[in-house]
Amino acid sequence: MSQTFITIARFQYSSEAQIVKGRLEADGIEVFLRDNITIDTDPLVSNAIGGVKLKVLTKDTKKAKEILKAIKIHSLDDNGKPILCPNCGNDEVELYSSIDSLKSFLSFLIGILTFTLPFHTRYKYVCINCKTEFPIK
């Protein structure tokens, strides 16, 4: 059973998975990536197949998860300080883009139809702890 691999994380792109893989291997944990070549070939299928799966041996699961938790970086301001949630004060805040206005929706639609990137994107932060959403100031 100790030679069985278990998925401990998923990544949108293989470059993110390769960085974490290197960190885990530096600590002596055997790591296996699944679907990384498929996503490198066609990045648009990443969501459809569940991203790049980072797998470790079952016996190393606890140690690997602790390392992953320790290296998780959350959003920082321009001075390198953690952004705090205005609701609960937690520093586990992540940035995401959203389509929450007609302007951003039309931008997204034009980008899809013309095969270009959207020229208007609205970004917000979300607190991992209390799920509060708040805008960039």
Protein backbone atom coordinates (compact mmCIF):
# COMPACT_ATOMS: atom_id res chain seq x y z
CA MET A 1 0.00 0.00 0.00
CA SER A 2 2.92 2.38 0.63
CA GLN A 3 3.78 2.28 -3.11
CA THR A 4 0.39 3.74 -4.05
CA PHE A 5 0.31 7.34 -5.24
CA ILE A 6 -2.40 9.71 -4.00
CA THR A 7 -3.36 13.12 -5.44
CA ILE A 8 -2.69 15.91 -2.94
CA ALA A 9 -3.03 18.97 -5.19
CA ARG A 10 -4.24 20.09 -8.62
CA PHE A 11 -2.85 22.93 -10.70
CA GLN A 12 -4.17 24.81 -13.73
CA TYR A 13 -0.79 24.74 -15.50
CA SER A 14 2.17 22.39 -15.34
CA SER A 15 4.62 25.22 -14.57
CA GLU A 16 2.95 25.71 -11.17
CA ALA A 17 3.04 21.97 -10.52
CA GLN A 18 6.72 21.75 -11.50
CA ILE A 19 7.67 24.39 -8.93
CA VAL A 20 5.88 22.54 -6.12
CA LYS A 21 7.26 19.22 -7.35
CA GLY A 22 10.79 20.59 -7.08
CA ARG A 23 10.15 21.78 -3.53
CA LEU A 24 8.76 18.41 -2.43
CA GLU A 25 11.58 16.48 -4.11
CA ALA A 26 14.11 18.72 -2.35
CA ASP A 27 12.62 17.43 0.92
CA GLY A 28 13.00 13.82 -0.19
CA ILE A 29 9.41 13.15 -1.22
CA GLU A 30 8.84 11.14 -4.37
CA VAL A 31 6.46 13.05 -6.65
CA PHE A 32 4.56 12.08 -9.78
CA LEU A 33 2.71 14.51 -12.08
CA ARG A 34 -0.27 13.32 -14.07
CA ASP A 35 -1.76 14.99 -17.18
CA ASN A 36 1.03 17.58 -17.35
CA ILE A 37 2.03 16.64 -20.90
CA THR A 38 -1.57 16.74 -22.09
CA ILE A 39 -2.04 20.23 -20.64
CA ASP A 40 1.30 21.40 -22.04
CA THR A 41 0.09 20.26 -25.46
CA ASP A 42 -3.33 21.93 -25.15
CA PRO A 43 -3.79 24.23 -22.12
CA LEU A 44 -7.47 24.76 -22.89
CA VAL A 45 -8.33 21.23 -21.73
CA SER A 46 -6.97 21.86 -18.22
CA ASN A 47 -10.38 22.50 -16.64
CA ALA A 48 -12.00 19.66 -18.56
CA ILE A 49 -9.58 17.02 -17.27
CA GLY A 50 -9.11 18.45 -13.79
CA GLY A 51 -5.74 20.13 -14.20
CA VAL A 52 -2.29 18.73 -13.47
CA LYS A 53 -2.48 16.27 -10.60
CA LEU A 54 0.39 16.27 -8.11
CA LYS A 55 0.71 12.80 -6.59
CA VAL A 56 2.87 11.53 -3.75
CA LEU A 57 3.28 8.14 -2.13
CA THR A 58 0.61 7.37 0.46
CA LYS A 59 3.23 7.17 3.22
CA ASP A 60 4.40 10.75 2.45
CA THR A 61 0.93 12.35 2.26
CA LYS A 62 0.98 14.05 5.66
CA LYS A 63 4.49 15.47 5.26
CA ALA A 64 3.74 16.67 1.71
CA LYS A 65 0.52 18.42 2.77
CA GLU A 66 2.37 20.20 5.57
CA ILE A 67 4.97 21.44 3.09
CA LEU A 68 2.25 22.58 0.69
CA LYS A 69 0.51 24.48 3.46
CA ALA A 70 3.78 26.14 4.48
CA ILE A 71 4.58 27.39 0.96
CA LYS A 72 1.08 28.61 0.09
CA ILE A 73 1.46 32.30 -0.69
CA HIS A 74 -1.53 34.56 -0.44
CA SER A 75 -2.02 38.04 -1.87
CA LEU A 76 0.45 40.77 -0.99
CA ASP A 77 0.21 44.53 -1.43
CA ASP A 78 2.77 46.67 -3.31
CA ASN A 79 4.98 46.78 -0.22
CA GLY A 80 5.10 43.00 0.17
CA LYS A 81 2.79 42.93 3.19
CA PRO A 82 -0.17 40.53 3.34
CA ILE A 83 -3.55 41.95 2.37
CA LEU A 84 -5.96 41.59 5.29
CA CYS A 85 -9.64 40.76 5.06
CA PRO A 86 -11.72 43.78 6.13
CA ASN A 87 -14.28 41.45 7.75
CA CYS A 88 -12.22 39.02 9.84
CA GLY A 89 -8.65 40.37 9.60
CA ASN A 90 -7.29 37.10 8.19
CA ASP A 91 -4.32 37.31 5.81
CA GLU A 92 -5.35 34.30 3.71
CA VAL A 93 -6.69 36.35 0.82
CA GLU A 94 -6.58 35.43 -2.88
CA LEU A 95 -7.05 37.50 -6.02
CA TYR A 96 -9.53 36.47 -8.70
CA SER A 97 -11.10 38.05 -11.75
CA SER A 98 -14.82 38.35 -12.22
CA ILE A 99 -17.43 39.26 -14.77
CA ASP A 100 -19.83 41.32 -12.70
CA SER A 101 -20.76 44.21 -14.97
CA LEU A 102 -22.03 44.68 -18.48
CA LYS A 103 -18.70 46.23 -19.52
CA SER A 104 -16.66 43.23 -18.34
CA PHE A 105 -19.16 40.81 -19.91
CA LEU A 106 -19.01 42.57 -23.28
CA SER A 107 -15.23 42.63 -23.08
CA PHE A 108 -15.20 38.90 -22.38
CA LEU A 109 -17.63 38.22 -25.25
CA ILE A 110 -15.64 40.30 -27.74
CA GLY A 111 -12.46 38.54 -26.62
CA ILE A 112 -14.04 35.13 -27.25
CA LEU A 113 -15.42 36.11 -30.66
CA THR A 114 -12.18 37.71 -31.87
CA PHE A 115 -9.81 35.21 -30.22
CA THR A 116 -8.10 37.96 -28.20
CA LEU A 117 -7.66 38.62 -24.53
CA PRO A 118 -10.27 40.69 -22.72
CA PHE A 119 -9.34 44.37 -22.58
CA HIS A 120 -11.38 45.05 -19.43
CA THR A 121 -11.18 42.79 -16.40
CA ARG A 122 -12.40 43.46 -12.90
CA TYR A 123 -10.36 42.00 -10.06
CA LYS A 124 -11.49 41.30 -6.51
CA TYR A 125 -10.05 39.65 -3.46
CA VAL A 126 -11.75 36.83 -1.57
CA CYS A 127 -10.96 35.76 1.99
CA ILE A 128 -10.31 32.03 2.34
CA ASN A 129 -11.54 32.08 5.94
CA CYS A 130 -14.88 33.94 5.79
CA LYS A 131 -15.46 34.06 1.99
CA THR A 132 -15.83 37.86 2.05
CA GLU A 133 -15.29 39.46 -1.35
CA PHE A 134 -13.79 42.95 -1.52
CA PRO A 135 -12.40 45.11 -4.33
CA ILE A 136 -8.86 46.35 -4.91
CA LYS A 137 -8.29 49.78 -3.43
